[in-house]
Amino acid sequence: MNSPHGWSPTTLVIGMSLILLILTLMNLGLFFKLWAMEDVAHRMYLSTKHRLRERNEARLAPDYMPRQGPEYQSREDAQLLKNVLQDSINLLEQLRSSLLVLHKNFAMANRTAPPQ
């Protein structure tokens, strides 16, 4: 019971099992990377939500804090929005670079793969 190339079924099963193990490890790596990115995005969301809540509480309690002018509030809003956008841009750049590396790896694998 040999295959046309002279490989035994045991060798084929071991080879396929090794490939499956490598693919599983790569999937786990991607899963944990995506989990970490989601965690960072969630923390950014919570910190922004916390800052917005603090700012709204400061507006609701004018007796306890000195009054700020509307021009200061708009500058603070603009700065907060700028920070959120910059953090989002940084996350998108990280995602873009990861996808480019993945694309290069697939392109290289396709170049080295024998034609079928």
PDB file of N, CA and C in Angstrom:
ATOM      1  N   MET A   1       0.835  -1.190   0.000  1.00  0.00           N
ATOM      2  CA  MET A   1       0.000   0.000   0.000  1.00  0.00           C
ATOM      3  C   MET A   1       0.875   1.246   0.000  1.00  0.00           C
ATOM      4  N   ASN A   2       1.601   1.453  -1.029  1.00  0.00           N
ATOM      5  CA  ASN A   2       2.408   2.661  -1.160  1.00  0.00           C
ATOM      6  C   ASN A   2       1.744   3.603  -2.153  1.00  0.00           C
ATOM      7  N   SER A   3       1.941   4.893  -1.937  1.00  0.00           N
ATOM      8  CA  SER A   3       1.417   5.879  -2.868  1.00  0.00           C
ATOM      9  C   SER A   3       2.322   5.914  -4.095  1.00  0.00           C
ATOM     10  N   PRO A   4       1.915   6.614  -5.150  1.00  0.00           N
ATOM     11  CA  PRO A   4       2.723   6.647  -6.366  1.00  0.00           C
ATOM     12  C   PRO A   4       4.130   7.214  -6.141  1.00  0.00           C
ATOM     13  N   HIS A   5       4.321   8.016  -5.124  1.00  0.00           N
ATOM     14  CA  HIS A   5       5.630   8.618  -4.860  1.00  0.00           C
ATOM     15  C   HIS A   5       6.462   7.768  -3.906  1.00  0.00           C
ATOM     16  N   GLY A   6       5.963   6.657  -3.463  1.00  0.00           N
ATOM     17  CA  GLY A   6       6.700   5.787  -2.564  1.00  0.00           C
ATOM     18  C   GLY A   6       6.585   6.175  -1.092  1.00  0.00           C
ATOM     19  N   TRP A   7       5.602   7.025  -0.750  1.00  0.00           N
ATOM     20  CA  TRP A   7       5.427   7.414   0.643  1.00  0.00           C
ATOM     21  C   TRP A   7       4.426   6.475   1.286  1.00  0.00           C
ATOM     22  N   SER A   8       4.691   6.147   2.513  1.00  0.00           N
ATOM     23  CA  SER A   8       3.756   5.274   3.224  1.00  0.00           C
ATOM     24  C   SER A   8       2.608   6.112   3.786  1.00  0.00           C
ATOM     25  N   PRO A   9       1.468   5.482   4.041  1.00  0.00           N
ATOM     26  CA  PRO A   9       0.334   6.231   4.613  1.00  0.00           C
ATOM     27  C   PRO A   9       0.686   6.874   5.954  1.00  0.00           C
ATOM     28  N   THR A  10       1.540   6.236   6.731  1.00  0.00           N
ATOM     29  CA  THR A  10       1.934   6.808   8.021  1.00  0.00           C
ATOM     30  C   THR A  10       2.680   8.121   7.813  1.00  0.00           C
ATOM     31  N   THR A  11       3.573   8.164   6.831  1.00  0.00           N
ATOM     32  CA  THR A  11       4.326   9.385   6.540  1.00  0.00           C
ATOM     33  C   THR A  11       3.395  10.500   6.085  1.00  0.00           C
ATOM     34  N   LEU A  12       2.413  10.153   5.258  1.00  0.00           N
ATOM     35  CA  LEU A  12       1.442  11.157   4.804  1.00  0.00           C
ATOM     36  C   LEU A  12       0.619  11.706   5.963  1.00  0.00           C
ATOM     37  N   VAL A  13       0.194  10.816   6.850  1.00  0.00           N
ATOM     38  CA  VAL A  13      -0.614  11.252   7.999  1.00  0.00           C
ATOM     39  C   VAL A  13       0.220  12.153   8.910  1.00  0.00           C
ATOM     40  N   ILE A  14       1.467  11.798   9.143  1.00  0.00           N
ATOM     41  CA  ILE A  14       2.339  12.628   9.992  1.00  0.00           C
ATOM     42  C   ILE A  14       2.563  13.990   9.347  1.00  0.00           C
ATOM     43  N   GLY A  15       2.805  14.001   8.042  1.00  0.00           N
ATOM     44  CA  GLY A  15       3.010  15.272   7.337  1.00  0.00           C
ATOM     45  C   GLY A  15       1.786  16.160   7.387  1.00  0.00           C
ATOM     46  N   MET A  16       0.618  15.586   7.138  1.00  0.00           N
ATOM     47  CA  MET A  16      -0.625  16.367   7.189  1.00  0.00           C
ATOM     48  C   MET A  16      -0.917  16.842   8.609  1.00  0.00           C
ATOM     49  N   SER A  17      -0.600  16.026   9.602  1.00  0.00           N
ATOM     50  CA  SER A  17      -0.798  16.436  10.995  1.00  0.00           C
ATOM     51  C   SER A  17       0.113  17.600  11.352  1.00  0.00           C
ATOM     52  N   LEU A  18       1.336  17.576  10.858  1.00  0.00           N
ATOM     53  CA  LEU A  18       2.271  18.671  11.113  1.00  0.00           C
ATOM     54  C   LEU A  18       1.785  19.962  10.472  1.00  0.00           C
ATOM     55  N   ILE A  19       1.295  19.874   9.247  1.00  0.00           N
ATOM     56  CA  ILE A  19       0.747  21.054   8.572  1.00  0.00           C
ATOM     57  C   ILE A  19      -0.460  21.584   9.331  1.00  0.00           C
ATOM     58  N   LEU A  20      -1.322  20.700   9.785  1.00  0.00           N
ATOM     59  CA  LEU A  20      -2.495  21.110  10.555  1.00  0.00           C
ATOM     60  C   LEU A  20      -2.097  21.781  11.862  1.00  0.00           C
ATOM     61  N   LEU A  21      -1.075  21.270  12.515  1.00  0.00           N
ATOM     62  CA  LEU A  21      -0.593  21.873  13.753  1.00  0.00           C
ATOM     63  C   LEU A  21      -0.055  23.282  13.498  1.00  0.00           C
ATOM     64  N   ILE A  22       0.701  23.450  12.428  1.00  0.00           N
ATOM     65  CA  ILE A  22       1.243  24.770  12.095  1.00  0.00           C
ATOM     66  C   ILE A  22       0.118  25.756  11.799  1.00  0.00           C
ATOM     67  N   LEU A  23      -0.878  25.324  11.028  1.00  0.00           N
ATOM     68  CA  LEU A  23      -2.015  26.204  10.735  1.00  0.00           C
ATOM     69  C   LEU A  23      -2.790  26.565  11.999  1.00  0.00           C
ATOM     70  N   THR A  24      -2.941  25.613  12.899  1.00  0.00           N
ATOM     71  CA  THR A  24      -3.631  25.890  14.159  1.00  0.00           C
ATOM     72  C   THR A  24      -2.867  26.920  14.982  1.00  0.00           C
ATOM     73  N   LEU A  25      -1.547  26.790  15.048  1.00  0.00           N
ATOM     74  CA  LEU A  25      -0.738  27.761  15.789  1.00  0.00           C
ATOM     75  C   LEU A  25      -0.821  29.153  15.165  1.00  0.00           C
ATOM     76  N   MET A  26      -0.827  29.212  13.840  1.00  0.00           N
ATOM     77  CA  MET A  26      -0.952  30.506  13.168  1.00  0.00           C
ATOM     78  C   MET A  26      -2.316  31.132  13.444  1.00  0.00           C
ATOM     79  N   ASN A  27      -3.376  30.314  13.439  1.00  0.00           N
ATOM     80  CA  ASN A  27      -4.709  30.823  13.758  1.00  0.00           C
ATOM     81  C   ASN A  27      -4.777  31.329  15.196  1.00  0.00           C
ATOM     82  N   LEU A  28      -4.149  30.617  16.113  1.00  0.00           N
ATOM     83  CA  LEU A  28      -4.116  31.085  17.503  1.00  0.00           C
ATOM     84  C   LEU A  28      -3.389  32.415  17.610  1.00  0.00           C
ATOM     85  N   GLY A  29      -2.278  32.553  16.888  1.00  0.00           N
ATOM     86  CA  GLY A  29      -1.552  33.820  16.891  1.00  0.00           C
ATOM     87  C   GLY A  29      -2.413  34.961  16.386  1.00  0.00           C
ATOM     88  N   LEU A  30      -3.126  34.746  15.284  1.00  0.00           N
ATOM     89  CA  LEU A  30      -4.027  35.782  14.764  1.00  0.00           C
ATOM     90  C   LEU A  30      -5.154  36.087  15.736  1.00  0.00           C
ATOM     91  N   PHE A  31      -5.690  35.046  16.362  1.00  0.00           N
ATOM     92  CA  PHE A  31      -6.764  35.253  17.332  1.00  0.00           C
ATOM     93  C   PHE A  31      -6.306  36.149  18.473  1.00  0.00           C
ATOM     94  N   PHE A  32      -5.118  35.862  19.028  1.00  0.00           N
ATOM     95  CA  PHE A  32      -4.645  36.661  20.152  1.00  0.00           C
ATOM     96  C   PHE A  32      -4.268  38.072  19.730  1.00  0.00           C
ATOM     97  N   LYS A  33      -3.763  38.248  18.507  1.00  0.00           N
ATOM     98  CA  LYS A  33      -3.487  39.602  18.017  1.00  0.00           C
ATOM     99  C   LYS A  33      -4.775  40.405  17.893  1.00  0.00           C
ATOM    100  N   LEU A  34      -5.804  39.795  17.308  1.00  0.00           N
ATOM    101  CA  LEU A  34      -7.081  40.491  17.175  1.00  0.00           C
ATOM    102  C   LEU A  34      -7.706  40.766  18.535  1.00  0.00           C
ATOM    103  N   TRP A  35      -7.552  39.837  19.466  1.00  0.00           N
ATOM    104  CA  TRP A  35      -8.073  40.035  20.813  1.00  0.00           C
ATOM    105  C   TRP A  35      -7.381  41.232  21.473  1.00  0.00           C
ATOM    106  N   ALA A  36      -6.059  41.320  21.300  1.00  0.00           N
ATOM    107  CA  ALA A  36      -5.317  42.439  21.882  1.00  0.00           C
ATOM    108  C   ALA A  36      -5.737  43.758  21.241  1.00  0.00           C
ATOM    109  N   MET A  37      -5.939  43.763  19.919  1.00  0.00           N
ATOM    110  CA  MET A  37      -6.380  44.992  19.252  1.00  0.00           C
ATOM    111  C   MET A  37      -7.771  45.397  19.723  1.00  0.00           C
ATOM    112  N   GLU A  38      -8.647  44.425  19.904  1.00  0.00           N
ATOM    113  CA  GLU A  38      -9.988  44.726  20.391  1.00  0.00           C
ATOM    114  C   GLU A  38      -9.934  45.264  21.817  1.00  0.00           C
ATOM    115  N   ASP A  39      -9.038  44.724  22.627  1.00  0.00           N
ATOM    116  CA  ASP A  39      -8.884  45.196  24.000  1.00  0.00           C
ATOM    117  C   ASP A  39      -8.410  46.650  24.018  1.00  0.00           C
ATOM    118  N   VAL A  40      -7.458  46.987  23.160  1.00  0.00           N
ATOM    119  CA  VAL A  40      -6.972  48.366  23.085  1.00  0.00           C
ATOM    120  C   VAL A  40      -8.095  49.299  22.640  1.00  0.00           C
ATOM    121  N   ALA A  41      -8.851  48.884  21.631  1.00  0.00           N
ATOM    122  CA  ALA A  41      -9.953  49.716  21.156  1.00  0.00           C
ATOM    123  C   ALA A  41     -11.013  49.887  22.244  1.00  0.00           C
ATOM    124  N   HIS A  42     -11.287  48.830  22.991  1.00  0.00           N
ATOM    125  CA  HIS A  42     -12.277  48.928  24.073  1.00  0.00           C
ATOM    126  C   HIS A  42     -11.795  49.865  25.182  1.00  0.00           C
ATOM    127  N   ARG A  43     -10.498  49.763  25.527  1.00  0.00           N
ATOM    128  CA  ARG A  43      -9.963  50.663  26.552  1.00  0.00           C
ATOM    129  C   ARG A  43     -10.002  52.109  26.083  1.00  0.00           C
ATOM    130  N   MET A  44      -9.706  52.345  24.803  1.00  0.00           N
ATOM    131  CA  MET A  44      -9.790  53.716  24.267  1.00  0.00           C
ATOM    132  C   MET A  44     -11.226  54.224  24.355  1.00  0.00           C
ATOM    133  N   TYR A  45     -12.176  53.358  24.007  1.00  0.00           N
ATOM    134  CA  TYR A  45     -13.579  53.739  24.070  1.00  0.00           C
ATOM    135  C   TYR A  45     -13.983  54.082  25.501  1.00  0.00           C
ATOM    136  N   LEU A  46     -13.567  53.236  26.455  1.00  0.00           N
ATOM    137  CA  LEU A  46     -13.928  53.488  27.850  1.00  0.00           C
ATOM    138  C   LEU A  46     -13.287  54.757  28.384  1.00  0.00           C
ATOM    139  N   SER A  47     -12.023  55.015  28.020  1.00  0.00           N
ATOM    140  CA  SER A  47     -11.371  56.226  28.509  1.00  0.00           C
ATOM    141  C   SER A  47     -12.030  57.469  27.914  1.00  0.00           C
ATOM    142  N   THR A  48     -12.415  57.398  26.643  1.00  0.00           N
ATOM    143  CA  THR A  48     -13.104  58.529  26.020  1.00  0.00           C
ATOM    144  C   THR A  48     -14.460  58.735  26.667  1.00  0.00           C
ATOM    145  N   LYS A  49     -15.155  57.636  26.912  1.00  0.00           N
ATOM    146  CA  LYS A  49     -16.465  57.718  27.562  1.00  0.00           C
ATOM    147  C   LYS A  49     -16.322  58.314  28.962  1.00  0.00           C
ATOM    148  N   HIS A  50     -15.265  57.916  29.675  1.00  0.00           N
ATOM    149  CA  HIS A  50     -15.022  58.441  31.016  1.00  0.00           C
ATOM    150  C   HIS A  50     -14.740  59.941  30.970  1.00  0.00           C
ATOM    151  N   ARG A  51     -13.913  60.362  30.006  1.00  0.00           N
ATOM    152  CA  ARG A  51     -13.617  61.804  29.881  1.00  0.00           C
ATOM    153  C   ARG A  51     -14.865  62.595  29.539  1.00  0.00           C
ATOM    154  N   LEU A  52     -15.699  62.054  28.651  1.00  0.00           N
ATOM    155  CA  LEU A  52     -16.937  62.752  28.302  1.00  0.00           C
ATOM    156  C   LEU A  52     -17.872  62.846  29.499  1.00  0.00           C
ATOM    157  N   ARG A  53     -17.940  61.768  30.288  1.00  0.00           N
ATOM    158  CA  ARG A  53     -18.787  61.788  31.477  1.00  0.00           C
ATOM    159  C   ARG A  53     -18.281  62.822  32.480  1.00  0.00           C
ATOM    160  N   GLU A  54     -16.951  62.880  32.672  1.00  0.00           N
ATOM    161  CA  GLU A  54     -16.387  63.869  33.595  1.00  0.00           C
ATOM    162  C   GLU A  54     -16.684  65.281  33.124  1.00  0.00           C
ATOM    163  N   ARG A  55     -16.576  65.508  31.821  1.00  0.00           N
ATOM    164  CA  ARG A  55     -16.838  66.839  31.297  1.00  0.00           C
ATOM    165  C   ARG A  55     -18.306  67.203  31.470  1.00  0.00           C
ATOM    166  N   ASN A  56     -19.206  66.249  31.253  1.00  0.00           N
ATOM    167  CA  ASN A  56     -20.632  66.519  31.445  1.00  0.00           C
ATOM    168  C   ASN A  56     -20.954  66.766  32.910  1.00  0.00           C
ATOM    169  N   GLU A  57     -20.309  66.025  33.808  1.00  0.00           N
ATOM    170  CA  GLU A  57     -20.518  66.262  35.239  1.00  0.00           C
ATOM    171  C   GLU A  57     -20.020  67.645  35.635  1.00  0.00           C
ATOM    172  N   ALA A  58     -18.927  68.078  35.027  1.00  0.00           N
ATOM    173  CA  ALA A  58     -18.409  69.415  35.335  1.00  0.00           C
ATOM    174  C   ALA A  58     -19.382  70.492  34.859  1.00  0.00           C
ATOM    175  N   ARG A  59     -20.059  70.236  33.760  1.00  0.00           N
ATOM    176  CA  ARG A  59     -21.053  71.213  33.272  1.00  0.00           C
ATOM    177  C   ARG A  59     -22.286  71.244  34.172  1.00  0.00           C
ATOM    178  N   LEU A  60     -22.634  70.086  34.745  1.00  0.00           N
ATOM    179  CA  LEU A  60     -23.829  70.013  35.580  1.00  0.00           C
ATOM    180  C   LEU A  60     -23.609  70.594  36.976  1.00  0.00           C
ATOM    181  N   ALA A  61     -22.365  70.697  37.394  1.00  0.00           N
ATOM    182  CA  ALA A  61     -22.071  71.204  38.741  1.00  0.00           C
ATOM    183  C   ALA A  61     -21.254  72.490  38.663  1.00  0.00           C
ATOM    184  N   PRO A  62     -21.857  73.599  38.206  1.00  0.00           N
ATOM    185  CA  PRO A  62     -21.094  74.847  38.079  1.00  0.00           C
ATOM    186  C   PRO A  62     -20.772  75.491  39.428  1.00  0.00           C
ATOM    187  N   ASP A  63     -21.514  75.144  40.493  1.00  0.00           N
ATOM    188  CA  ASP A  63     -21.261  75.747  41.798  1.00  0.00           C
ATOM    189  C   ASP A  63     -19.939  75.276  42.394  1.00  0.00           C
ATOM    190  N   TYR A  64     -19.518  74.080  42.050  1.00  0.00           N
ATOM    191  CA  TYR A  64     -18.318  73.505  42.642  1.00  0.00           C
ATOM    192  C   TYR A  64     -17.049  73.815  41.867  1.00  0.00           C
ATOM    193  N   MET A  65     -17.188  74.212  40.627  1.00  0.00           N
ATOM    194  CA  MET A  65     -16.024  74.489  39.802  1.00  0.00           C
ATOM    195  C   MET A  65     -16.153  75.878  39.206  1.00  0.00           C
ATOM    196  N   PRO A  66     -15.024  76.513  38.956  1.00  0.00           N
ATOM    197  CA  PRO A  66     -15.112  77.825  38.298  1.00  0.00           C
ATOM    198  C   PRO A  66     -15.668  77.670  36.882  1.00  0.00           C
ATOM    199  N   ARG A  67     -16.384  78.686  36.471  1.00  0.00           N
ATOM    200  CA  ARG A  67     -17.013  78.638  35.155  1.00  0.00           C
ATOM    201  C   ARG A  67     -15.978  78.824  34.059  1.00  0.00           C
ATOM    202  N   GLN A  68     -16.141  78.054  32.998  1.00  0.00           N
ATOM    203  CA  GLN A  68     -15.242  78.161  31.861  1.00  0.00           C
ATOM    204  C   GLN A  68     -16.023  78.750  30.694  1.00  0.00           C
ATOM    205  N   GLY A  69     -15.318  79.509  29.885  1.00  0.00           N
ATOM    206  CA  GLY A  69     -15.966  80.137  28.744  1.00  0.00           C
ATOM    207  C   GLY A  69     -16.270  79.140  27.644  1.00  0.00           C
ATOM    208  N   PRO A  70     -17.206  79.492  26.754  1.00  0.00           N
ATOM    209  CA  PRO A  70     -17.564  78.574  25.664  1.00  0.00           C
ATOM    210  C   PRO A  70     -16.398  78.318  24.706  1.00  0.00           C
ATOM    211  N   GLU A  71     -15.519  79.308  24.564  1.00  0.00           N
ATOM    212  CA  GLU A  71     -14.378  79.083  23.660  1.00  0.00           C
ATOM    213  C   GLU A  71     -13.434  78.031  24.231  1.00  0.00           C
ATOM    214  N   TYR A  72     -13.326  77.960  25.567  1.00  0.00           N
ATOM    215  CA  TYR A  72     -12.483  76.933  26.185  1.00  0.00           C
ATOM    216  C   TYR A  72     -13.107  75.557  25.998  1.00  0.00           C
ATOM    217  N   GLN A  73     -14.426  75.479  26.133  1.00  0.00           N
ATOM    218  CA  GLN A  73     -15.114  74.198  25.960  1.00  0.00           C
ATOM    219  C   GLN A  73     -14.950  73.685  24.528  1.00  0.00           C
ATOM    220  N   SER A  74     -15.067  74.573  23.562  1.00  0.00           N
ATOM    221  CA  SER A  74     -14.938  74.118  22.170  1.00  0.00           C
ATOM    222  C   SER A  74     -13.511  73.670  21.885  1.00  0.00           C
ATOM    223  N   ARG A  75     -12.506  74.345  22.463  1.00  0.00           N
ATOM    224  CA  ARG A  75     -11.121  73.913  22.287  1.00  0.00           C
ATOM    225  C   ARG A  75     -10.905  72.547  22.946  1.00  0.00           C
ATOM    226  N   GLU A  76     -11.511  72.354  24.121  1.00  0.00           N
ATOM    227  CA  GLU A  76     -11.390  71.070  24.815  1.00  0.00           C
ATOM    228  C   GLU A  76     -12.059  69.961  24.002  1.00  0.00           C
ATOM    229  N   ASP A  77     -13.241  70.256  23.440  1.00  0.00           N
ATOM    230  CA  ASP A  77     -13.921  69.279  22.588  1.00  0.00           C
ATOM    231  C   ASP A  77     -13.081  68.949  21.368  1.00  0.00           C
ATOM    232  N   ALA A  78     -12.504  69.957  20.761  1.00  0.00           N
ATOM    233  CA  ALA A  78     -11.682  69.740  19.572  1.00  0.00           C
ATOM    234  C   ALA A  78     -10.447  68.909  19.920  1.00  0.00           C
ATOM    235  N   GLN A  79      -9.833  69.193  21.069  1.00  0.00           N
ATOM    236  CA  GLN A  79      -8.647  68.431  21.481  1.00  0.00           C
ATOM    237  C   GLN A  79      -9.010  66.972  21.767  1.00  0.00           C
ATOM    238  N   LEU A  80     -10.140  66.755  22.418  1.00  0.00           N
ATOM    239  CA  LEU A  80     -10.595  65.393  22.706  1.00  0.00           C
ATOM    240  C   LEU A  80     -10.873  64.635  21.417  1.00  0.00           C
ATOM    241  N   LEU A  81     -11.556  65.290  20.486  1.00  0.00           N
ATOM    242  CA  LEU A  81     -11.833  64.660  19.198  1.00  0.00           C
ATOM    243  C   LEU A  81     -10.541  64.374  18.441  1.00  0.00           C
ATOM    244  N   LYS A  82      -9.609  65.301  18.506  1.00  0.00           N
ATOM    245  CA  LYS A  82      -8.315  65.101  17.839  1.00  0.00           C
ATOM    246  C   LYS A  82      -7.584  63.897  18.428  1.00  0.00           C
ATOM    247  N   ASN A  83      -7.599  63.756  19.758  1.00  0.00           N
ATOM    248  CA  ASN A  83      -6.950  62.606  20.406  1.00  0.00           C
ATOM    249  C   ASN A  83      -7.600  61.288  20.009  1.00  0.00           C
ATOM    250  N   VAL A  84      -8.918  61.267  19.982  1.00  0.00           N
ATOM    251  CA  VAL A  84      -9.635  60.047  19.600  1.00  0.00           C
ATOM    252  C   VAL A  84      -9.319  59.684  18.152  1.00  0.00           C
ATOM    253  N   LEU A  85      -9.332  60.675  17.271  1.00  0.00           N
ATOM    254  CA  LEU A  85      -9.026  60.413  15.864  1.00  0.00           C
ATOM    255  C   LEU A  85      -7.589  59.941  15.680  1.00  0.00           C
ATOM    256  N   GLN A  86      -6.653  60.538  16.416  1.00  0.00           N
ATOM    257  CA  GLN A  86      -5.256  60.123  16.299  1.00  0.00           C
ATOM    258  C   GLN A  86      -5.071  58.684  16.782  1.00  0.00           C
ATOM    259  N   ASP A  87      -5.728  58.322  17.868  1.00  0.00           N
ATOM    260  CA  ASP A  87      -5.655  56.942  18.349  1.00  0.00           C
ATOM    261  C   ASP A  87      -6.257  55.977  17.331  1.00  0.00           C
ATOM    262  N   SER A  88      -7.356  56.379  16.714  1.00  0.00           N
ATOM    263  CA  SER A  88      -7.977  55.530  15.691  1.00  0.00           C
ATOM    264  C   SER A  88      -7.073  55.377  14.480  1.00  0.00           C
ATOM    265  N   ILE A  89      -6.429  56.445  14.082  1.00  0.00           N
ATOM    266  CA  ILE A  89      -5.500  56.393  12.947  1.00  0.00           C
ATOM    267  C   ILE A  89      -4.338  55.464  13.268  1.00  0.00           C
ATOM    268  N   ASN A  90      -3.812  55.552  14.484  1.00  0.00           N
ATOM    269  CA  ASN A  90      -2.700  54.671  14.875  1.00  0.00           C
ATOM    270  C   ASN A  90      -3.116  53.203  14.822  1.00  0.00           C
ATOM    271  N   LEU A  91      -4.316  52.890  15.321  1.00  0.00           N
ATOM    272  CA  LEU A  91      -4.797  51.508  15.273  1.00  0.00           C
ATOM    273  C   LEU A  91      -4.980  51.036  13.832  1.00  0.00           C
ATOM    274  N   LEU A  92      -5.508  51.910  12.979  1.00  0.00           N
ATOM    275  CA  LEU A  92      -5.684  51.539  11.576  1.00  0.00           C
ATOM    276  C   LEU A  92      -4.344  51.325  10.883  1.00  0.00           C
ATOM    277  N   GLU A  93      -3.343  52.120  11.219  1.00  0.00           N
ATOM    278  CA  GLU A  93      -2.006  51.933  10.646  1.00  0.00           C
ATOM    279  C   GLU A  93      -1.407  50.600  11.090  1.00  0.00           C
ATOM    280  N   GLN A  94      -1.608  50.231  12.356  1.00  0.00           N
ATOM    281  CA  GLN A  94      -1.126  48.933  12.829  1.00  0.00           C
ATOM    282  C   GLN A  94      -1.819  47.803  12.094  1.00  0.00           C
ATOM    283  N   LEU A  95      -3.120  47.927  11.905  1.00  0.00           N
ATOM    284  CA  LEU A  95      -3.875  46.913  11.173  1.00  0.00           C
ATOM    285  C   LEU A  95      -3.400  46.841   9.729  1.00  0.00           C
ATOM    286  N   ARG A  96      -3.168  48.000   9.111  1.00  0.00           N
ATOM    287  CA  ARG A  96      -2.693  48.043   7.722  1.00  0.00           C
ATOM    288  C   ARG A  96      -1.339  47.355   7.587  1.00  0.00           C
ATOM    289  N   SER A  97      -0.410  47.643   8.510  1.00  0.00           N
ATOM    290  CA  SER A  97       0.913  47.029   8.417  1.00  0.00           C
ATOM    291  C   SER A  97       0.826  45.515   8.631  1.00  0.00           C
ATOM    292  N   SER A  98      -0.031  45.068   9.533  1.00  0.00           N
ATOM    293  CA  SER A  98      -0.205  43.625   9.743  1.00  0.00           C
ATOM    294  C   SER A  98      -0.776  42.966   8.495  1.00  0.00           C
ATOM    295  N   LEU A  99      -1.739  43.618   7.872  1.00  0.00           N
ATOM    296  CA  LEU A  99      -2.319  43.058   6.663  1.00  0.00           C
ATOM    297  C   LEU A  99      -1.322  43.054   5.506  1.00  0.00           C
ATOM    298  N   LEU A 100      -0.466  44.078   5.422  1.00  0.00           N
ATOM    299  CA  LEU A 100       0.557  44.090   4.374  1.00  0.00           C
ATOM    300  C   LEU A 100       1.550  42.948   4.558  1.00  0.00           C
ATOM    301  N   VAL A 101       1.953  42.699   5.797  1.00  0.00           N
ATOM    302  CA  VAL A 101       2.865  41.580   6.068  1.00  0.00           C
ATOM    303  C   VAL A 101       2.196  40.263   5.702  1.00  0.00           C
ATOM    304  N   LEU A 102       0.938  40.117   6.057  1.00  0.00           N
ATOM    305  CA  LEU A 102       0.200  38.904   5.731  1.00  0.00           C
ATOM    306  C   LEU A 102       0.083  38.733   4.218  1.00  0.00           C
ATOM    307  N   HIS A 103      -0.198  39.835   3.524  1.00  0.00           N
ATOM    308  CA  HIS A 103      -0.299  39.787   2.058  1.00  0.00           C
ATOM    309  C   HIS A 103       1.030  39.389   1.429  1.00  0.00           C
ATOM    310  N   LYS A 104       2.141  39.940   1.922  1.00  0.00           N
ATOM    311  CA  LYS A 104       3.458  39.583   1.394  1.00  0.00           C
ATOM    312  C   LYS A 104       3.756  38.111   1.631  1.00  0.00           C
ATOM    313  N   ASN A 105       3.394  37.610   2.813  1.00  0.00           N
ATOM    314  CA  ASN A 105       3.621  36.191   3.111  1.00  0.00           C
ATOM    315  C   ASN A 105       2.821  35.292   2.177  1.00  0.00           C
ATOM    316  N   PHE A 106       1.565  35.662   1.909  1.00  0.00           N
ATOM    317  CA  PHE A 106       0.757  34.870   0.990  1.00  0.00           C
ATOM    318  C   PHE A 106       1.310  34.959  -0.428  1.00  0.00           C
ATOM    319  N   ALA A 107       1.739  36.148  -0.834  1.00  0.00           N
ATOM    320  CA  ALA A 107       2.287  36.312  -2.178  1.00  0.00           C
ATOM    321  C   ALA A 107       3.557  35.465  -2.346  1.00  0.00           C
ATOM    322  N   MET A 108       4.398  35.468  -1.321  1.00  0.00           N
ATOM    323  CA  MET A 108       5.628  34.682  -1.385  1.00  0.00           C
ATOM    324  C   MET A 108       5.291  33.187  -1.400  1.00  0.00           C
ATOM    325  N   ALA A 109       4.312  32.778  -0.624  1.00  0.00           N
ATOM    326  CA  ALA A 109       3.918  31.371  -0.593  1.00  0.00           C
ATOM    327  C   ALA A 109       3.340  30.953  -1.952  1.00  0.00           C
ATOM    328  N   ASN A 110       2.614  31.838  -2.581  1.00  0.00           N
ATOM    329  CA  ASN A 110       2.042  31.527  -3.895  1.00  0.00           C
ATOM    330  C   ASN A 110       3.113  31.449  -4.960  1.00  0.00           C
ATOM    331  N   ARG A 111       4.170  32.265  -4.852  1.00  0.00           N
ATOM    332  CA  ARG A 111       5.263  32.228  -5.815  1.00  0.00           C
ATOM    333  C   ARG A 111       6.051  30.933  -5.694  1.00  0.00           C
ATOM    334  N   THR A 112       6.239  30.472  -4.460  1.00  0.00           N
ATOM    335  CA  THR A 112       7.047  29.275  -4.257  1.00  0.00           C
ATOM    336  C   THR A 112       6.240  27.998  -4.403  1.00  0.00           C
ATOM    337  N   ALA A 113       4.910  28.112  -4.424  1.00  0.00           N
ATOM    338  CA  ALA A 113       4.072  26.917  -4.563  1.00  0.00           C
ATOM    339  C   ALA A 113       4.153  26.403  -6.002  1.00  0.00           C
ATOM    340  N   PRO A 114       4.228  25.096  -6.177  1.00  0.00           N
ATOM    341  CA  PRO A 114       4.255  24.563  -7.540  1.00  0.00           C
ATOM    342  C   PRO A 114       2.901  24.752  -8.223  1.00  0.00           C
ATOM    343  N   PRO A 115       2.895  24.996  -9.525  1.00  0.00           N
ATOM    344  CA  PRO A 115       1.614  25.176 -10.228  1.00  0.00           C
ATOM    345  C   PRO A 115       0.807  23.887 -10.191  1.00  0.00           C
ATOM    346  N   GLN A 116      -0.491  24.044 -10.085  1.00  0.00           N
ATOM    347  CA  GLN A 116      -1.350  22.855  -9.983  1.00  0.00           C
ATOM    348  C   GLN A 116      -2.163  22.676 -11.231  1.00  0.00           C
TER     349      GLN A 116
END
